[in-house]
Amino acid sequence: MLRPHPCRQTDSLKKLWFSDPGNDLFVWLNNAGHITAFQFSYNKSDNEHLFSWNEHHGSSHDRIDDGEDVYLRIKMSPIMIPNAAISCAQLAESFRGVSELLEPELVAFIYNKLRAQGNSQTDNPSANKL
């Protein structure tokens, strides 16, 4: 189950962080309480992926290369590698399964974005309020 963690805040954005052993969720809210972006990282221990959405650029799906596979060398920095292969329905259900402790409005918003792959043509900024 995703659980909240404290985050540093700025004057213009509020950042929320939730995690469990296999997932991380970061959510950014503006001063009016509208969701402006989120990142959902899943499969952290094995083949980590990241679904990102923001109100200005839509969504992306990336695989995280953790930099570990370099023989006899110092670990390299993790990088994101574009990876469009995604089952939206499975990802949305996986998120729903770990989000039981989160606010229902937050869960509904992210669940709907995951189902729709954050299609910018259907994004409605006025529906981003938490």
C-alpha atoms as a PDB file:
ATOM      1  CA  MET A   1       0.000   0.000   0.000  1.00  0.00           C
ATOM      2  CA  LEU A   2       1.254   3.444  -0.897  1.00  0.00           C
ATOM      3  CA  ARG A   3       1.967   5.487   2.223  1.00  0.00           C
ATOM      4  CA  PRO A   4       2.687   9.241   2.492  1.00  0.00           C
ATOM      5  CA  HIS A   5       6.117  10.744   3.149  1.00  0.00           C
ATOM      6  CA  PRO A   6       7.046  14.339   3.976  1.00  0.00           C
ATOM      7  CA  CYS A   7       8.231  16.516   1.077  1.00  0.00           C
ATOM      8  CA  ARG A   8       9.846  19.901   0.800  1.00  0.00           C
ATOM      9  CA  GLN A   9       7.410  22.497  -0.468  1.00  0.00           C
ATOM     10  CA  THR A  10       7.912  25.554  -2.669  1.00  0.00           C
ATOM     11  CA  ASP A  11       5.879  28.751  -2.811  1.00  0.00           C
ATOM     12  CA  SER A  12       4.216  27.830  -6.092  1.00  0.00           C
ATOM     13  CA  LEU A  13       3.790  24.038  -5.887  1.00  0.00           C
ATOM     14  CA  LYS A  14       2.934  21.477  -3.265  1.00  0.00           C
ATOM     15  CA  LYS A  15       4.570  18.086  -3.743  1.00  0.00           C
ATOM     16  CA  LEU A  16       3.114  14.856  -2.386  1.00  0.00           C
ATOM     17  CA  TRP A  17       5.116  11.623  -2.172  1.00  0.00           C
ATOM     18  CA  PHE A  18       3.723   8.167  -1.507  1.00  0.00           C
ATOM     19  CA  SER A  19       5.622   4.883  -1.655  1.00  0.00           C
ATOM     20  CA  ASP A  20       5.709   1.211  -0.845  1.00  0.00           C
ATOM     21  CA  PRO A  21       8.429  -1.365  -1.600  1.00  0.00           C
ATOM     22  CA  GLY A  22       7.439  -1.681  -5.266  1.00  0.00           C
ATOM     23  CA  ASN A  23       6.045   1.737  -6.203  1.00  0.00           C
ATOM     24  CA  ASP A  24       6.498   5.487  -5.856  1.00  0.00           C
ATOM     25  CA  LEU A  25       3.913   8.158  -6.586  1.00  0.00           C
ATOM     26  CA  PHE A  26       4.786  11.854  -6.800  1.00  0.00           C
ATOM     27  CA  VAL A  27       2.015  14.421  -7.261  1.00  0.00           C
ATOM     28  CA  TRP A  28       2.375  18.180  -7.759  1.00  0.00           C
ATOM     29  CA  LEU A  29      -0.459  20.566  -6.847  1.00  0.00           C
ATOM     30  CA  ASN A  30      -0.625  24.281  -7.527  1.00  0.00           C
ATOM     31  CA  ASN A  31      -1.721  26.825  -4.893  1.00  0.00           C
ATOM     32  CA  ALA A  32      -5.376  26.341  -5.882  1.00  0.00           C
ATOM     33  CA  GLY A  33      -5.129  22.597  -5.188  1.00  0.00           C
ATOM     34  CA  HIS A  34      -5.175  21.562  -8.849  1.00  0.00           C
ATOM     35  CA  ILE A  35      -3.082  18.573  -9.901  1.00  0.00           C
ATOM     36  CA  THR A  36      -0.474  19.845 -12.341  1.00  0.00           C
ATOM     37  CA  ALA A  37       1.613  16.675 -12.703  1.00  0.00           C
ATOM     38  CA  PHE A  38       2.239  13.198 -11.353  1.00  0.00           C
ATOM     39  CA  GLN A  39       4.726  10.371 -11.760  1.00  0.00           C
ATOM     40  CA  PHE A  40       3.940   6.753 -10.937  1.00  0.00           C
ATOM     41  CA  SER A  41       6.980   4.497 -10.717  1.00  0.00           C
ATOM     42  CA  TYR A  42       6.264   0.772 -10.576  1.00  0.00           C
ATOM     43  CA  ASN A  43       8.162  -2.550 -10.489  1.00  0.00           C
ATOM     44  CA  LYS A  44      10.977  -0.763  -8.624  1.00  0.00           C
ATOM     45  CA  SER A  45      12.812  -3.959  -7.702  1.00  0.00           C
ATOM     46  CA  ASP A  46      12.603  -5.581 -11.140  1.00  0.00           C
ATOM     47  CA  ASN A  47      12.420  -3.771 -14.484  1.00  0.00           C
ATOM     48  CA  GLU A  48      11.298  -0.385 -13.126  1.00  0.00           C
ATOM     49  CA  HIS A  49       9.021   1.782 -15.283  1.00  0.00           C
ATOM     50  CA  LEU A  50       7.690   5.304 -14.903  1.00  0.00           C
ATOM     51  CA  PHE A  51       4.405   6.771 -16.121  1.00  0.00           C
ATOM     52  CA  SER A  52       4.492  10.573 -16.109  1.00  0.00           C
ATOM     53  CA  TRP A  53       1.720  13.053 -16.787  1.00  0.00           C
ATOM     54  CA  ASN A  54       1.682  16.828 -16.666  1.00  0.00           C
ATOM     55  CA  GLU A  55      -0.979  19.299 -17.691  1.00  0.00           C
ATOM     56  CA  HIS A  56       1.206  21.021 -20.295  1.00  0.00           C
ATOM     57  CA  HIS A  57       2.910  18.064 -22.006  1.00  0.00           C
ATOM     58  CA  GLY A  58       0.551  15.117 -21.541  1.00  0.00           C
ATOM     59  CA  SER A  59       1.973  11.718 -20.705  1.00  0.00           C
ATOM     60  CA  SER A  60       5.005   9.547 -21.270  1.00  0.00           C
ATOM     61  CA  HIS A  61       6.014   6.033 -20.317  1.00  0.00           C
ATOM     62  CA  ASP A  62       9.653   5.169 -19.683  1.00  0.00           C
ATOM     63  CA  ARG A  63      11.761   2.266 -18.544  1.00  0.00           C
ATOM     64  CA  ILE A  64      14.326   3.125 -15.869  1.00  0.00           C
ATOM     65  CA  ASP A  65      17.827   1.891 -16.652  1.00  0.00           C
ATOM     66  CA  ASP A  66      19.315   1.739 -13.162  1.00  0.00           C
ATOM     67  CA  GLY A  67      22.936   1.785 -14.373  1.00  0.00           C
ATOM     68  CA  GLU A  68      23.781  -1.486 -12.619  1.00  0.00           C
ATOM     69  CA  ASP A  69      24.671  -3.672 -15.617  1.00  0.00           C
ATOM     70  CA  VAL A  70      28.207  -2.443 -16.192  1.00  0.00           C
ATOM     71  CA  TYR A  71      30.699  -5.224 -15.477  1.00  0.00           C
ATOM     72  CA  LEU A  72      33.588  -4.243 -13.156  1.00  0.00           C
ATOM     73  CA  ARG A  73      32.735  -0.544 -13.290  1.00  0.00           C
ATOM     74  CA  ILE A  74      31.214   1.967 -10.928  1.00  0.00           C
ATOM     75  CA  LYS A  75      27.429   2.118 -11.097  1.00  0.00           C
ATOM     76  CA  MET A  76      26.223   4.658 -13.627  1.00  0.00           C
ATOM     77  CA  SER A  77      23.381   7.132 -13.012  1.00  0.00           C
ATOM     78  CA  PRO A  78      19.865   5.865 -13.630  1.00  0.00           C
ATOM     79  CA  ILE A  79      18.327   7.172 -16.856  1.00  0.00           C
ATOM     80  CA  MET A  80      14.859   7.054 -18.418  1.00  0.00           C
ATOM     81  CA  ILE A  81      14.510   5.222 -21.723  1.00  0.00           C
ATOM     82  CA  PRO A  82      11.313   5.850 -23.732  1.00  0.00           C
ATOM     83  CA  ASN A  83       9.121   2.759 -23.632  1.00  0.00           C
ATOM     84  CA  ALA A  84       5.649   3.153 -25.084  1.00  0.00           C
ATOM     85  CA  ALA A  85       4.756  -0.527 -24.585  1.00  0.00           C
ATOM     86  CA  ILE A  86       2.162  -0.398 -21.841  1.00  0.00           C
ATOM     87  CA  SER A  87      -1.116  -2.041 -20.917  1.00  0.00           C
ATOM     88  CA  CYS A  88      -3.128   0.928 -19.690  1.00  0.00           C
ATOM     89  CA  ALA A  89      -5.828  -1.214 -18.127  1.00  0.00           C
ATOM     90  CA  GLN A  90      -3.328  -3.368 -16.221  1.00  0.00           C
ATOM     91  CA  LEU A  91      -1.351  -0.363 -15.027  1.00  0.00           C
ATOM     92  CA  ALA A  92      -4.495   1.421 -13.859  1.00  0.00           C
ATOM     93  CA  GLU A  93      -5.677  -1.655 -11.951  1.00  0.00           C
ATOM     94  CA  SER A  94      -2.229  -2.136 -10.435  1.00  0.00           C
ATOM     95  CA  PHE A  95      -2.310   1.479  -9.242  1.00  0.00           C
ATOM     96  CA  ARG A  96      -5.810   1.054  -7.829  1.00  0.00           C
ATOM     97  CA  GLY A  97      -4.615  -2.026  -5.927  1.00  0.00           C
ATOM     98  CA  VAL A  98      -1.902  -0.092  -4.055  1.00  0.00           C
ATOM     99  CA  SER A  99      -3.767   3.196  -3.570  1.00  0.00           C
ATOM    100  CA  GLU A 100      -6.317   2.139  -0.958  1.00  0.00           C
ATOM    101  CA  LEU A 101      -4.984   4.603   1.644  1.00  0.00           C
ATOM    102  CA  LEU A 102      -4.980   7.658  -0.662  1.00  0.00           C
ATOM    103  CA  GLU A 103      -7.702  10.291  -1.015  1.00  0.00           C
ATOM    104  CA  PRO A 104     -10.453   9.007  -3.355  1.00  0.00           C
ATOM    105  CA  GLU A 105     -10.293  12.135  -5.563  1.00  0.00           C
ATOM    106  CA  LEU A 106      -6.556  11.683  -6.067  1.00  0.00           C
ATOM    107  CA  VAL A 107      -6.981   7.981  -6.873  1.00  0.00           C
ATOM    108  CA  ALA A 108      -9.783   8.683  -9.366  1.00  0.00           C
ATOM    109  CA  PHE A 109      -7.792  11.379 -11.156  1.00  0.00           C
ATOM    110  CA  ILE A 110      -4.645   9.257 -11.538  1.00  0.00           C
ATOM    111  CA  TYR A 111      -6.587   6.093 -12.355  1.00  0.00           C
ATOM    112  CA  ASN A 112      -8.396   7.903 -15.185  1.00  0.00           C
ATOM    113  CA  LYS A 113      -5.144   9.339 -16.566  1.00  0.00           C
ATOM    114  CA  LEU A 114      -3.524   5.899 -16.492  1.00  0.00           C
ATOM    115  CA  ARG A 115      -6.509   4.345 -18.282  1.00  0.00           C
ATOM    116  CA  ALA A 116      -6.441   7.018 -20.967  1.00  0.00           C
ATOM    117  CA  GLN A 117      -2.618   7.227 -21.151  1.00  0.00           C
ATOM    118  CA  GLY A 118      -2.996  10.905 -20.277  1.00  0.00           C
ATOM    119  CA  ASN A 119      -4.298  11.690 -23.776  1.00  0.00           C
ATOM    120  CA  SER A 120      -3.874  15.479 -23.933  1.00  0.00           C
ATOM    121  CA  GLN A 121      -6.944  15.806 -26.164  1.00  0.00           C
ATOM    122  CA  THR A 122      -9.157  14.696 -23.260  1.00  0.00           C
ATOM    123  CA  ASP A 123      -7.346  16.564 -20.506  1.00  0.00           C
ATOM    124  CA  ASN A 124      -9.489  19.130 -18.749  1.00  0.00           C
ATOM    125  CA  PRO A 125      -7.422  21.378 -16.420  1.00  0.00           C
ATOM    126  CA  SER A 126     -10.550  22.361 -14.507  1.00  0.00           C
ATOM    127  CA  ALA A 127     -11.006  18.690 -13.559  1.00  0.00           C
ATOM    128  CA  ASN A 128      -7.554  18.610 -11.927  1.00  0.00           C
ATOM    129  CA  LYS A 129      -8.708  20.007  -8.567  1.00  0.00           C
ATOM    130  CA  LEU A 130      -7.980  17.859  -5.535  1.00  0.00           C
END
